[in-house]
N, C-alpha and C. Protein backbone atom coordinates (compact mmCIF):
# COMPACT_ATOMS: atom_id res chain seq x y z
N MET A 1 5.92 -14.26 -17.27
CA MET A 1 5.44 -15.55 -17.73
C MET A 1 3.99 -15.39 -18.20
N ARG A 2 3.60 -16.26 -19.08
CA ARG A 2 2.25 -16.21 -19.64
C ARG A 2 1.60 -17.58 -19.45
N TYR A 3 0.61 -17.63 -18.55
CA TYR A 3 -0.08 -18.88 -18.24
C TYR A 3 -1.42 -18.93 -18.97
N ALA A 4 -1.77 -20.12 -19.45
CA ALA A 4 -3.09 -20.35 -20.02
C ALA A 4 -4.10 -20.40 -18.88
N ILE A 5 -5.28 -19.82 -19.10
CA ILE A 5 -6.36 -19.91 -18.12
C ILE A 5 -7.59 -20.47 -18.82
N VAL A 6 -8.45 -21.08 -18.03
CA VAL A 6 -9.73 -21.58 -18.54
C VAL A 6 -10.82 -20.86 -17.76
N ILE A 7 -11.76 -20.26 -18.49
CA ILE A 7 -12.89 -19.59 -17.86
C ILE A 7 -14.15 -20.35 -18.24
N GLU A 8 -14.93 -20.71 -17.22
CA GLU A 8 -16.16 -21.46 -17.44
C GLU A 8 -17.34 -20.69 -16.87
N LYS A 9 -18.46 -20.74 -17.57
CA LYS A 9 -19.70 -20.11 -17.12
C LYS A 9 -20.45 -21.09 -16.24
N SER A 10 -20.92 -20.60 -15.09
CA SER A 10 -21.79 -21.42 -14.25
C SER A 10 -23.16 -20.75 -14.23
N ILE A 11 -24.03 -21.21 -13.37
CA ILE A 11 -25.39 -20.66 -13.32
C ILE A 11 -25.38 -19.18 -12.96
N SER A 12 -24.56 -18.79 -11.99
CA SER A 12 -24.64 -17.42 -11.50
C SER A 12 -23.35 -16.60 -11.64
N ASN A 13 -22.26 -17.20 -12.12
CA ASN A 13 -21.02 -16.45 -12.25
C ASN A 13 -20.08 -17.13 -13.23
N PHE A 14 -18.84 -16.70 -13.22
CA PHE A 14 -17.79 -17.31 -14.03
C PHE A 14 -16.69 -17.80 -13.10
N ALA A 15 -16.04 -18.88 -13.47
CA ALA A 15 -14.92 -19.42 -12.69
C ALA A 15 -13.74 -19.63 -13.62
N ALA A 16 -12.54 -19.40 -13.09
CA ALA A 16 -11.33 -19.58 -13.89
C ALA A 16 -10.34 -20.43 -13.11
N TYR A 17 -9.54 -21.18 -13.86
CA TYR A 17 -8.45 -21.93 -13.26
C TYR A 17 -7.27 -21.95 -14.21
N VAL A 18 -6.12 -22.33 -13.65
CA VAL A 18 -4.86 -22.32 -14.40
C VAL A 18 -4.35 -23.76 -14.45
N PRO A 19 -4.39 -24.41 -15.61
CA PRO A 19 -3.97 -25.80 -15.70
C PRO A 19 -2.55 -26.06 -15.17
N ASP A 20 -1.66 -25.10 -15.35
CA ASP A 20 -0.28 -25.30 -14.92
C ASP A 20 -0.04 -24.98 -13.44
N LEU A 21 -1.05 -24.43 -12.76
CA LEU A 21 -0.92 -24.09 -11.34
C LEU A 21 -2.09 -24.70 -10.57
N PRO A 22 -2.04 -25.99 -10.29
CA PRO A 22 -3.14 -26.65 -9.60
C PRO A 22 -3.52 -25.91 -8.31
N GLY A 23 -4.82 -25.72 -8.14
CA GLY A 23 -5.33 -25.04 -6.96
C GLY A 23 -5.48 -23.55 -7.13
N CYS A 24 -5.03 -23.01 -8.24
CA CYS A 24 -5.13 -21.57 -8.49
C CYS A 24 -6.44 -21.31 -9.23
N ILE A 25 -7.41 -20.71 -8.52
CA ILE A 25 -8.74 -20.48 -9.08
C ILE A 25 -9.24 -19.10 -8.70
N ALA A 26 -10.26 -18.64 -9.41
CA ALA A 26 -10.92 -17.37 -9.09
C ALA A 26 -12.33 -17.41 -9.66
N THR A 27 -13.23 -16.67 -9.05
CA THR A 27 -14.58 -16.54 -9.58
C THR A 27 -14.95 -15.07 -9.63
N GLY A 28 -15.85 -14.73 -10.56
CA GLY A 28 -16.32 -13.36 -10.70
C GLY A 28 -17.67 -13.31 -11.35
N HIS A 29 -18.28 -12.13 -11.32
CA HIS A 29 -19.61 -11.96 -11.91
C HIS A 29 -19.57 -11.80 -13.43
N THR A 30 -18.43 -11.34 -13.96
CA THR A 30 -18.28 -11.15 -15.40
C THR A 30 -16.97 -11.80 -15.85
N VAL A 31 -16.82 -11.97 -17.15
CA VAL A 31 -15.57 -12.51 -17.68
C VAL A 31 -14.42 -11.56 -17.35
N ALA A 32 -14.63 -10.27 -17.54
CA ALA A 32 -13.58 -9.29 -17.27
C ALA A 32 -13.15 -9.32 -15.81
N GLU A 33 -14.11 -9.38 -14.90
CA GLU A 33 -13.79 -9.44 -13.48
C GLU A 33 -13.03 -10.72 -13.17
N THR A 34 -13.46 -11.82 -13.75
CA THR A 34 -12.81 -13.11 -13.52
C THR A 34 -11.38 -13.10 -14.04
N GLU A 35 -11.15 -12.51 -15.20
CA GLU A 35 -9.79 -12.40 -15.74
C GLU A 35 -8.90 -11.60 -14.80
N SER A 36 -9.42 -10.50 -14.29
CA SER A 36 -8.65 -9.67 -13.37
C SER A 36 -8.32 -10.43 -12.08
N LEU A 37 -9.32 -11.13 -11.56
CA LEU A 37 -9.13 -11.87 -10.31
C LEU A 37 -8.18 -13.05 -10.48
N ILE A 38 -8.22 -13.73 -11.63
CA ILE A 38 -7.32 -14.87 -11.82
C ILE A 38 -5.89 -14.36 -11.99
N ARG A 39 -5.72 -13.19 -12.58
CA ARG A 39 -4.38 -12.61 -12.69
C ARG A 39 -3.81 -12.37 -11.28
N GLU A 40 -4.62 -11.79 -10.41
CA GLU A 40 -4.19 -11.57 -9.03
C GLU A 40 -3.92 -12.90 -8.32
N ALA A 41 -4.79 -13.88 -8.56
CA ALA A 41 -4.63 -15.19 -7.93
C ALA A 41 -3.32 -15.85 -8.37
N ILE A 42 -2.96 -15.71 -9.63
CA ILE A 42 -1.71 -16.28 -10.13
C ILE A 42 -0.53 -15.65 -9.41
N GLU A 43 -0.55 -14.33 -9.27
CA GLU A 43 0.54 -13.64 -8.59
C GLU A 43 0.67 -14.10 -7.14
N VAL A 44 -0.45 -14.20 -6.44
CA VAL A 44 -0.43 -14.65 -5.04
C VAL A 44 0.01 -16.10 -4.95
N HIS A 45 -0.47 -16.93 -5.86
CA HIS A 45 -0.11 -18.35 -5.87
C HIS A 45 1.40 -18.52 -6.04
N ILE A 46 1.96 -17.79 -6.99
CA ILE A 46 3.40 -17.88 -7.24
C ILE A 46 4.19 -17.38 -6.03
N GLU A 47 3.75 -16.29 -5.43
CA GLU A 47 4.41 -15.79 -4.22
C GLU A 47 4.40 -16.84 -3.12
N GLY A 48 3.26 -17.52 -2.96
CA GLY A 48 3.13 -18.57 -1.95
C GLY A 48 4.06 -19.74 -2.21
N LEU A 49 4.14 -20.16 -3.48
CA LEU A 49 5.04 -21.25 -3.83
C LEU A 49 6.48 -20.88 -3.48
N LYS A 50 6.88 -19.67 -3.86
CA LYS A 50 8.24 -19.23 -3.59
C LYS A 50 8.51 -19.17 -2.08
N ALA A 51 7.55 -18.64 -1.33
CA ALA A 51 7.70 -18.53 0.13
C ALA A 51 7.85 -19.90 0.78
N ASP A 52 7.19 -20.90 0.20
CA ASP A 52 7.27 -22.26 0.74
C ASP A 52 8.45 -23.05 0.17
N GLY A 53 9.24 -22.42 -0.70
CA GLY A 53 10.39 -23.11 -1.29
C GLY A 53 10.01 -24.14 -2.33
N ILE A 54 8.83 -24.00 -2.91
CA ILE A 54 8.36 -24.93 -3.94
C ILE A 54 8.65 -24.33 -5.30
N PRO A 55 9.22 -25.11 -6.21
CA PRO A 55 9.50 -24.57 -7.55
C PRO A 55 8.20 -24.12 -8.24
N VAL A 56 8.28 -22.99 -8.92
CA VAL A 56 7.14 -22.47 -9.66
C VAL A 56 7.07 -23.19 -11.01
N PRO A 57 5.95 -23.88 -11.29
CA PRO A 57 5.83 -24.57 -12.57
C PRO A 57 5.88 -23.58 -13.74
N LEU A 58 6.64 -23.91 -14.74
CA LEU A 58 6.69 -23.07 -15.93
C LEU A 58 5.41 -23.27 -16.74
N PRO A 59 4.98 -22.24 -17.44
CA PRO A 59 3.81 -22.41 -18.31
C PRO A 59 4.10 -23.46 -19.37
N SER A 60 3.20 -24.42 -19.53
CA SER A 60 3.40 -25.44 -20.57
C SER A 60 2.12 -25.79 -21.30
N SER A 61 0.98 -25.37 -20.78
CA SER A 61 -0.29 -25.68 -21.43
C SER A 61 -0.48 -24.83 -22.68
N GLN A 62 -1.13 -25.42 -23.67
CA GLN A 62 -1.46 -24.72 -24.90
C GLN A 62 -2.96 -24.71 -25.05
N VAL A 63 -3.47 -23.67 -25.68
CA VAL A 63 -4.91 -23.55 -25.89
C VAL A 63 -5.18 -23.49 -27.39
N GLU A 64 -6.06 -24.33 -27.84
CA GLU A 64 -6.49 -24.35 -29.23
C GLU A 64 -7.99 -24.57 -29.27
N TYR A 65 -8.61 -24.19 -30.33
CA TYR A 65 -10.03 -24.44 -30.54
C TYR A 65 -10.19 -25.43 -31.68
N VAL A 66 -11.16 -26.32 -31.57
CA VAL A 66 -11.46 -27.29 -32.60
C VAL A 66 -12.90 -27.11 -33.00
N GLU A 67 -13.13 -26.95 -34.28
CA GLU A 67 -14.51 -26.80 -34.75
C GLU A 67 -15.10 -28.16 -35.06
N VAL A 68 -16.34 -28.35 -34.65
CA VAL A 68 -17.09 -29.58 -34.96
C VAL A 68 -18.48 -29.19 -35.42
N SER A 69 -19.11 -30.07 -36.14
CA SER A 69 -20.47 -29.83 -36.58
C SER A 69 -21.43 -30.21 -35.46
N PRO A 70 -22.45 -29.38 -35.22
CA PRO A 70 -23.42 -29.70 -34.15
C PRO A 70 -24.26 -30.91 -34.48
């Protein structure tokens, strides 16, 4: 499965979350580290859902960019 992720810059690190998997988050010092950690978090999150007998949400979010004038 392929889930959309959102990575945001904060003052001292980066944070990522998965819109289709509420509560699935990760933080890292770099974008690359954050991507790696959110991938692991998704796998653990899905394993937890399955273990608890909760259906795993299918990926449904889409990501697009919109250009605007500053």
